[in-house]
Amino acid sequence: MEPTDADARLTDLEIKASFAEDLLDTLNEIVARQQAQIDRLTTELSTLRNQMPTADGAPIFRSLRDELPPHY
């Protein structure tokens, strides 16, 4: 039996759908890893903020420009 044009088109669509499904799975894994990393960084940032010295209950923000290296 000779494959028809419709059969070839259907096969092409099935191949494209398979690649699209694989790509979607890969992107899903990447998004899940990124969200886990964002969650870890958010937790770390919160921990660092809690370690900052405070004055009168308000955090003290200093600029790195205020801290000159010893050779100046």
PDB file of N, CA and C in Angstrom:
ATOM      1  N   MET A   1       0.854  -1.174   0.000  1.00  0.00           N
ATOM      2  CA  MET A   1       0.000   0.000   0.000  1.00  0.00           C
ATOM      3  C   MET A   1       0.898   1.235   0.000  1.00  0.00           C
ATOM      4  N   GLU A   2       0.662   2.122  -0.876  1.00  0.00           N
ATOM      5  CA  GLU A   2       1.430   3.349  -1.079  1.00  0.00           C
ATOM      6  C   GLU A   2       0.960   4.411  -0.077  1.00  0.00           C
ATOM      7  N   PRO A   3       1.913   5.037   0.689  1.00  0.00           N
ATOM      8  CA  PRO A   3       1.474   6.087   1.622  1.00  0.00           C
ATOM      9  C   PRO A   3       0.930   7.277   0.841  1.00  0.00           C
ATOM     10  N   THR A   4      -0.153   7.777   1.316  1.00  0.00           N
ATOM     11  CA  THR A   4      -0.789   8.917   0.650  1.00  0.00           C
ATOM     12  C   THR A   4      -0.249  10.212   1.235  1.00  0.00           C
ATOM     13  N   ASP A   5      -0.616  11.295   0.591  1.00  0.00           N
ATOM     14  CA  ASP A   5      -0.198  12.619   1.061  1.00  0.00           C
ATOM     15  C   ASP A   5      -0.722  12.877   2.481  1.00  0.00           C
ATOM     16  N   ALA A   6      -1.937  12.408   2.738  1.00  0.00           N
ATOM     17  CA  ALA A   6      -2.530  12.597   4.075  1.00  0.00           C
ATOM     18  C   ALA A   6      -1.748  11.795   5.116  1.00  0.00           C
ATOM     19  N   ASP A   7      -1.306  10.597   4.763  1.00  0.00           N
ATOM     20  CA  ASP A   7      -0.512   9.784   5.691  1.00  0.00           C
ATOM     21  C   ASP A   7       0.822  10.454   6.009  1.00  0.00           C
ATOM     22  N   ALA A   8       1.462  11.009   4.981  1.00  0.00           N
ATOM     23  CA  ALA A   8       2.748  11.687   5.184  1.00  0.00           C
ATOM     24  C   ALA A   8       2.566  12.923   6.065  1.00  0.00           C
ATOM     25  N   ARG A   9       1.497  13.655   5.810  1.00  0.00           N
ATOM     26  CA  ARG A   9       1.227  14.849   6.623  1.00  0.00           C
ATOM     27  C   ARG A   9       0.937  14.463   8.069  1.00  0.00           C
ATOM     28  N   LEU A  10       0.190  13.385   8.249  1.00  0.00           N
ATOM     29  CA  LEU A  10      -0.122  12.914   9.597  1.00  0.00           C
ATOM     30  C   LEU A  10       1.150  12.479  10.315  1.00  0.00           C
ATOM     31  N   THR A  11       2.030  11.795   9.629  1.00  0.00           N
ATOM     32  CA  THR A  11       3.309  11.372  10.213  1.00  0.00           C
ATOM     33  C   THR A  11       4.143  12.580  10.603  1.00  0.00           C
ATOM     34  N   ASP A  12       4.198  13.592   9.728  1.00  0.00           N
ATOM     35  CA  ASP A  12       4.930  14.819  10.045  1.00  0.00           C
ATOM     36  C   ASP A  12       4.356  15.512  11.280  1.00  0.00           C
ATOM     37  N   LEU A  13       3.040  15.556  11.370  1.00  0.00           N
ATOM     38  CA  LEU A  13       2.399  16.171  12.531  1.00  0.00           C
ATOM     39  C   LEU A  13       2.691  15.400  13.812  1.00  0.00           C
ATOM     40  N   GLU A  14       2.700  14.081  13.729  1.00  0.00           N
ATOM     41  CA  GLU A  14       3.016  13.261  14.897  1.00  0.00           C
ATOM     42  C   GLU A  14       4.455  13.495  15.347  1.00  0.00           C
ATOM     43  N   ILE A  15       5.372  13.626  14.395  1.00  0.00           N
ATOM     44  CA  ILE A  15       6.775  13.890  14.731  1.00  0.00           C
ATOM     45  C   ILE A  15       6.902  15.253  15.394  1.00  0.00           C
ATOM     46  N   LYS A  16       6.251  16.261  14.816  1.00  0.00           N
ATOM     47  CA  LYS A  16       6.299  17.607  15.399  1.00  0.00           C
ATOM     48  C   LYS A  16       5.688  17.625  16.804  1.00  0.00           C
ATOM     49  N   ALA A  17       4.595  16.913  16.989  1.00  0.00           N
ATOM     50  CA  ALA A  17       3.951  16.857  18.310  1.00  0.00           C
ATOM     51  C   ALA A  17       4.876  16.188  19.323  1.00  0.00           C
ATOM     52  N   SER A  18       5.588  15.155  18.875  1.00  0.00           N
ATOM     53  CA  SER A  18       6.518  14.469  19.767  1.00  0.00           C
ATOM     54  C   SER A  18       7.651  15.397  20.197  1.00  0.00           C
ATOM     55  N   PHE A  19       8.213  16.145  19.236  1.00  0.00           N
ATOM     56  CA  PHE A  19       9.267  17.099  19.570  1.00  0.00           C
ATOM     57  C   PHE A  19       8.744  18.208  20.481  1.00  0.00           C
ATOM     58  N   ALA A  20       7.530  18.677  20.217  1.00  0.00           N
ATOM     59  CA  ALA A  20       6.938  19.737  21.042  1.00  0.00           C
ATOM     60  C   ALA A  20       6.712  19.234  22.471  1.00  0.00           C
ATOM     61  N   GLU A  21       6.284  18.008  22.618  1.00  0.00           N
ATOM     62  CA  GLU A  21       6.069  17.425  23.943  1.00  0.00           C
ATOM     63  C   GLU A  21       7.383  17.301  24.703  1.00  0.00           C
ATOM     64  N   ASP A  22       8.430  16.871  24.008  1.00  0.00           N
ATOM     65  CA  ASP A  22       9.753  16.755  24.626  1.00  0.00           C
ATOM     66  C   ASP A  22      10.259  18.130  25.062  1.00  0.00           C
ATOM     67  N   LEU A  23      10.090  19.130  24.194  1.00  0.00           N
ATOM     68  CA  LEU A  23      10.511  20.490  24.526  1.00  0.00           C
ATOM     69  C   LEU A  23       9.735  21.016  25.730  1.00  0.00           C
ATOM     70  N   LEU A  24       8.447  20.758  25.773  1.00  0.00           N
ATOM     71  CA  LEU A  24       7.624  21.204  26.899  1.00  0.00           C
ATOM     72  C   LEU A  24       8.087  20.568  28.203  1.00  0.00           C
ATOM     73  N   ASP A  25       8.404  19.283  28.168  1.00  0.00           N
ATOM     74  CA  ASP A  25       8.912  18.601  29.363  1.00  0.00           C
ATOM     75  C   ASP A  25      10.233  19.216  29.827  1.00  0.00           C
ATOM     76  N   THR A  26      11.128  19.495  28.871  1.00  0.00           N
ATOM     77  CA  THR A  26      12.418  20.096  29.199  1.00  0.00           C
ATOM     78  C   THR A  26      12.235  21.479  29.820  1.00  0.00           C
ATOM     79  N   LEU A  27      11.385  22.292  29.200  1.00  0.00           N
ATOM     80  CA  LEU A  27      11.136  23.641  29.729  1.00  0.00           C
ATOM     81  C   LEU A  27      10.489  23.579  31.109  1.00  0.00           C
ATOM     82  N   ASN A  28       9.628  22.613  31.308  1.00  0.00           N
ATOM     83  CA  ASN A  28       8.984  22.441  32.609  1.00  0.00           C
ATOM     84  C   ASN A  28      10.019  22.148  33.692  1.00  0.00           C
ATOM     85  N   GLU A  29      10.973  21.285  33.378  1.00  0.00           N
ATOM     86  CA  GLU A  29      12.037  20.964  34.337  1.00  0.00           C
ATOM     87  C   GLU A  29      12.888  22.192  34.641  1.00  0.00           C
ATOM     88  N   ILE A  30      13.185  22.976  33.613  1.00  0.00           N
ATOM     89  CA  ILE A  30      13.987  24.191  33.803  1.00  0.00           C
ATOM     90  C   ILE A  30      13.252  25.178  34.704  1.00  0.00           C
ATOM     91  N   VAL A  31      11.972  25.365  34.453  1.00  0.00           N
ATOM     92  CA  VAL A  31      11.181  26.296  35.274  1.00  0.00           C
ATOM     93  C   VAL A  31      11.124  25.810  36.720  1.00  0.00           C
ATOM     94  N   ALA A  32      10.972  24.524  36.921  1.00  0.00           N
ATOM     95  CA  ALA A  32      10.923  23.977  38.281  1.00  0.00           C
ATOM     96  C   ALA A  32      12.256  24.203  38.997  1.00  0.00           C
ATOM     97  N   ARG A  33      13.392  23.984  38.295  1.00  0.00           N
ATOM     98  CA  ARG A  33      14.703  24.231  38.900  1.00  0.00           C
ATOM     99  C   ARG A  33      14.888  25.705  39.221  1.00  0.00           C
ATOM    100  N   GLN A  34      14.465  26.574  38.315  1.00  0.00           N
ATOM    101  CA  GLN A  34      14.603  28.013  38.552  1.00  0.00           C
ATOM    102  C   GLN A  34      13.767  28.446  39.747  1.00  0.00           C
ATOM    103  N   GLN A  35      12.564  27.905  39.877  1.00  0.00           N
ATOM    104  CA  GLN A  35      11.722  28.273  41.010  1.00  0.00           C
ATOM    105  C   GLN A  35      12.351  27.804  42.317  1.00  0.00           C
ATOM    106  N   ALA A  36      12.934  26.619  42.318  1.00  0.00           N
ATOM    107  CA  ALA A  36      13.613  26.127  43.521  1.00  0.00           C
ATOM    108  C   ALA A  36      14.790  27.040  43.867  1.00  0.00           C
ATOM    109  N   GLN A  37      15.531  27.483  42.846  1.00  0.00           N
ATOM    110  CA  GLN A  37      16.657  28.389  43.086  1.00  0.00           C
ATOM    111  C   GLN A  37      16.157  29.734  43.614  1.00  0.00           C
ATOM    112  N   ILE A  38      15.077  30.245  43.062  1.00  0.00           N
ATOM    113  CA  ILE A  38      14.502  31.508  43.542  1.00  0.00           C
ATOM    114  C   ILE A  38      14.083  31.364  45.000  1.00  0.00           C
ATOM    115  N   ASP A  39      13.476  30.237  45.336  1.00  0.00           N
ATOM    116  CA  ASP A  39      13.055  30.004  46.726  1.00  0.00           C
ATOM    117  C   ASP A  39      14.258  29.976  47.664  1.00  0.00           C
ATOM    118  N   ARG A  40      15.345  29.302  47.244  1.00  0.00           N
ATOM    119  CA  ARG A  40      16.551  29.255  48.079  1.00  0.00           C
ATOM    120  C   ARG A  40      17.157  30.642  48.243  1.00  0.00           C
ATOM    121  N   LEU A  41      17.212  31.405  47.164  1.00  0.00           N
ATOM    122  CA  LEU A  41      17.788  32.752  47.232  1.00  0.00           C
ATOM    123  C   LEU A  41      16.922  33.681  48.087  1.00  0.00           C
ATOM    124  N   THR A  42      15.616  33.535  48.017  1.00  0.00           N
ATOM    125  CA  THR A  42      14.718  34.335  48.845  1.00  0.00           C
ATOM    126  C   THR A  42      14.941  34.031  50.320  1.00  0.00           C
ATOM    127  N   THR A  43      15.089  32.761  50.639  1.00  0.00           N
ATOM    128  CA  THR A  43      15.357  32.363  52.023  1.00  0.00           C
ATOM    129  C   THR A  43      16.701  32.919  52.490  1.00  0.00           C
ATOM    130  N   GLU A  44      17.715  32.823  51.636  1.00  0.00           N
ATOM    131  CA  GLU A  44      19.035  33.336  51.980  1.00  0.00           C
ATOM    132  C   GLU A  44      19.012  34.848  52.181  1.00  0.00           C
ATOM    133  N   LEU A  45      18.297  35.549  51.328  1.00  0.00           N
ATOM    134  CA  LEU A  45      18.187  37.002  51.455  1.00  0.00           C
ATOM    135  C   LEU A  45      17.492  37.375  52.761  1.00  0.00           C
ATOM    136  N   SER A  46      16.459  36.648  53.092  1.00  0.00           N
ATOM    137  CA  SER A  46      15.751  36.901  54.351  1.00  0.00           C
ATOM    138  C   SER A  46      16.672  36.670  55.544  1.00  0.00           C
ATOM    139  N   THR A  47      17.471  35.602  55.492  1.00  0.00           N
ATOM    140  CA  THR A  47      18.418  35.319  56.568  1.00  0.00           C
ATOM    141  C   THR A  47      19.451  36.431  56.686  1.00  0.00           C
ATOM    142  N   LEU A  48      19.968  36.894  55.562  1.00  0.00           N
ATOM    143  CA  LEU A  48      20.960  37.975  55.583  1.00  0.00           C
ATOM    144  C   LEU A  48      20.363  39.274  56.113  1.00  0.00           C
ATOM    145  N   ARG A  49      19.130  39.550  55.746  1.00  0.00           N
ATOM    146  CA  ARG A  49      18.477  40.761  56.254  1.00  0.00           C
ATOM    147  C   ARG A  49      18.295  40.694  57.765  1.00  0.00           C
ATOM    148  N   ASN A  50      18.006  39.514  58.265  1.00  0.00           N
ATOM    149  CA  ASN A  50      17.835  39.361  59.710  1.00  0.00           C
ATOM    150  C   ASN A  50      19.153  39.506  60.457  1.00  0.00           C
ATOM    151  N   GLN A  51      20.281  39.293  59.777  1.00  0.00           N
ATOM    152  CA  GLN A  51      21.588  39.406  60.412  1.00  0.00           C
ATOM    153  C   GLN A  51      22.121  40.841  60.393  1.00  0.00           C
ATOM    154  N   MET A  52      21.487  41.718  59.642  1.00  0.00           N
ATOM    155  CA  MET A  52      21.970  43.095  59.531  1.00  0.00           C
ATOM    156  C   MET A  52      21.809  43.833  60.860  1.00  0.00           C
ATOM    157  N   PRO A  53      22.791  44.684  61.194  1.00  0.00           N
ATOM    158  CA  PRO A  53      22.647  45.485  62.411  1.00  0.00           C
ATOM    159  C   PRO A  53      21.539  46.525  62.216  1.00  0.00           C
ATOM    160  N   THR A  54      20.909  46.871  63.309  1.00  0.00           N
ATOM    161  CA  THR A  54      19.828  47.855  63.236  1.00  0.00           C
ATOM    162  C   THR A  54      20.053  48.959  64.257  1.00  0.00           C
ATOM    163  N   ALA A  55      19.485  50.102  63.967  1.00  0.00           N
ATOM    164  CA  ALA A  55      19.513  51.233  64.901  1.00  0.00           C
ATOM    165  C   ALA A  55      18.075  51.714  65.077  1.00  0.00           C
ATOM    166  N   ASP A  56      17.615  51.742  66.294  1.00  0.00           N
ATOM    167  CA  ASP A  56      16.233  52.149  66.590  1.00  0.00           C
ATOM    168  C   ASP A  56      15.216  51.305  65.831  1.00  0.00           C
ATOM    169  N   GLY A  57      15.519  50.041  65.622  1.00  0.00           N
ATOM    170  CA  GLY A  57      14.581  49.143  64.965  1.00  0.00           C
ATOM    171  C   GLY A  57      14.600  49.229  63.450  1.00  0.00           C
ATOM    172  N   ALA A  58      15.296  50.220  62.894  1.00  0.00           N
ATOM    173  CA  ALA A  58      15.363  50.347  61.434  1.00  0.00           C
ATOM    174  C   ALA A  58      16.718  49.819  60.949  1.00  0.00           C
ATOM    175  N   PRO A  59      16.741  49.115  59.848  1.00  0.00           N
ATOM    176  CA  PRO A  59      18.019  48.597  59.341  1.00  0.00           C
ATOM    177  C   PRO A  59      18.971  49.737  58.977  1.00  0.00           C
ATOM    178  N   ILE A  60      20.246  49.506  59.202  1.00  0.00           N
ATOM    179  CA  ILE A  60      21.275  50.474  58.820  1.00  0.00           C
ATOM    180  C   ILE A  60      21.789  50.077  57.444  1.00  0.00           C
ATOM    181  N   PHE A  61      21.593  50.939  56.477  1.00  0.00           N
ATOM    182  CA  PHE A  61      22.091  50.682  55.133  1.00  0.00           C
ATOM    183  C   PHE A  61      23.322  51.537  54.905  1.00  0.00           C
ATOM    184  N   ARG A  62      24.402  50.880  54.553  1.00  0.00           N
ATOM    185  CA  ARG A  62      25.644  51.589  54.289  1.00  0.00           C
ATOM    186  C   ARG A  62      26.043  51.369  52.841  1.00  0.00           C
ATOM    187  N   SER A  63      26.651  52.376  52.299  1.00  0.00           N
ATOM    188  CA  SER A  63      27.154  52.274  50.948  1.00  0.00           C
ATOM    189  C   SER A  63      28.581  51.753  50.990  1.00  0.00           C
ATOM    190  N   LEU A  64      28.956  50.967  50.009  1.00  0.00           N
ATOM    191  CA  LEU A  64      30.333  50.493  49.943  1.00  0.00           C
ATOM    192  C   LEU A  64      31.301  51.644  49.709  1.00  0.00           C
ATOM    193  N   ARG A  65      30.816  52.747  49.184  1.00  0.00           N
ATOM    194  CA  ARG A  65      31.666  53.920  48.978  1.00  0.00           C
ATOM    195  C   ARG A  65      32.072  54.545  50.311  1.00  0.00           C
ATOM    196  N   ASP A  66      31.271  54.314  51.352  1.00  0.00           N
ATOM    197  CA  ASP A  66      31.606  54.844  52.674  1.00  0.00           C
ATOM    198  C   ASP A  66      32.776  54.089  53.295  1.00  0.00           C
ATOM    199  N   GLU A  67      33.035  52.905  52.815  1.00  0.00           N
ATOM    200  CA  GLU A  67      34.100  52.080  53.369  1.00  0.00           C
ATOM    201  C   GLU A  67      35.289  52.098  52.422  1.00  0.00           C
ATOM    202  N   LEU A  68      36.269  52.967  52.685  1.00  0.00           N
ATOM    203  CA  LEU A  68      37.433  53.071  51.834  1.00  0.00           C
ATOM    204  C   LEU A  68      38.438  51.959  52.177  1.00  0.00           C
ATOM    205  N   PRO A  69      39.107  51.458  51.180  1.00  0.00           N
ATOM    206  CA  PRO A  69      40.132  50.447  51.454  1.00  0.00           C
ATOM    207  C   PRO A  69      41.253  51.055  52.281  1.00  0.00           C
ATOM    208  N   PRO A  70      42.033  50.238  52.992  1.00  0.00           N
ATOM    209  CA  PRO A  70      43.069  50.742  53.900  1.00  0.00           C
ATOM    210  C   PRO A  70      44.147  51.583  53.210  1.00  0.00           C
ATOM    211  N   HIS A  71      44.376  51.415  51.932  1.00  0.00           N
ATOM    212  CA  HIS A  71      45.454  52.145  51.288  1.00  0.00           C
ATOM    213  C   HIS A  71      45.088  53.595  50.911  1.00  0.00           C
ATOM    214  N   TYR A  72      43.858  54.047  51.201  1.00  0.00           N
ATOM    215  CA  TYR A  72      43.491  55.435  50.907  1.00  0.00           C
ATOM    216  C   TYR A  72      43.676  56.308  52.090  1.00  0.00           C
TER     217      TYR A  72
END
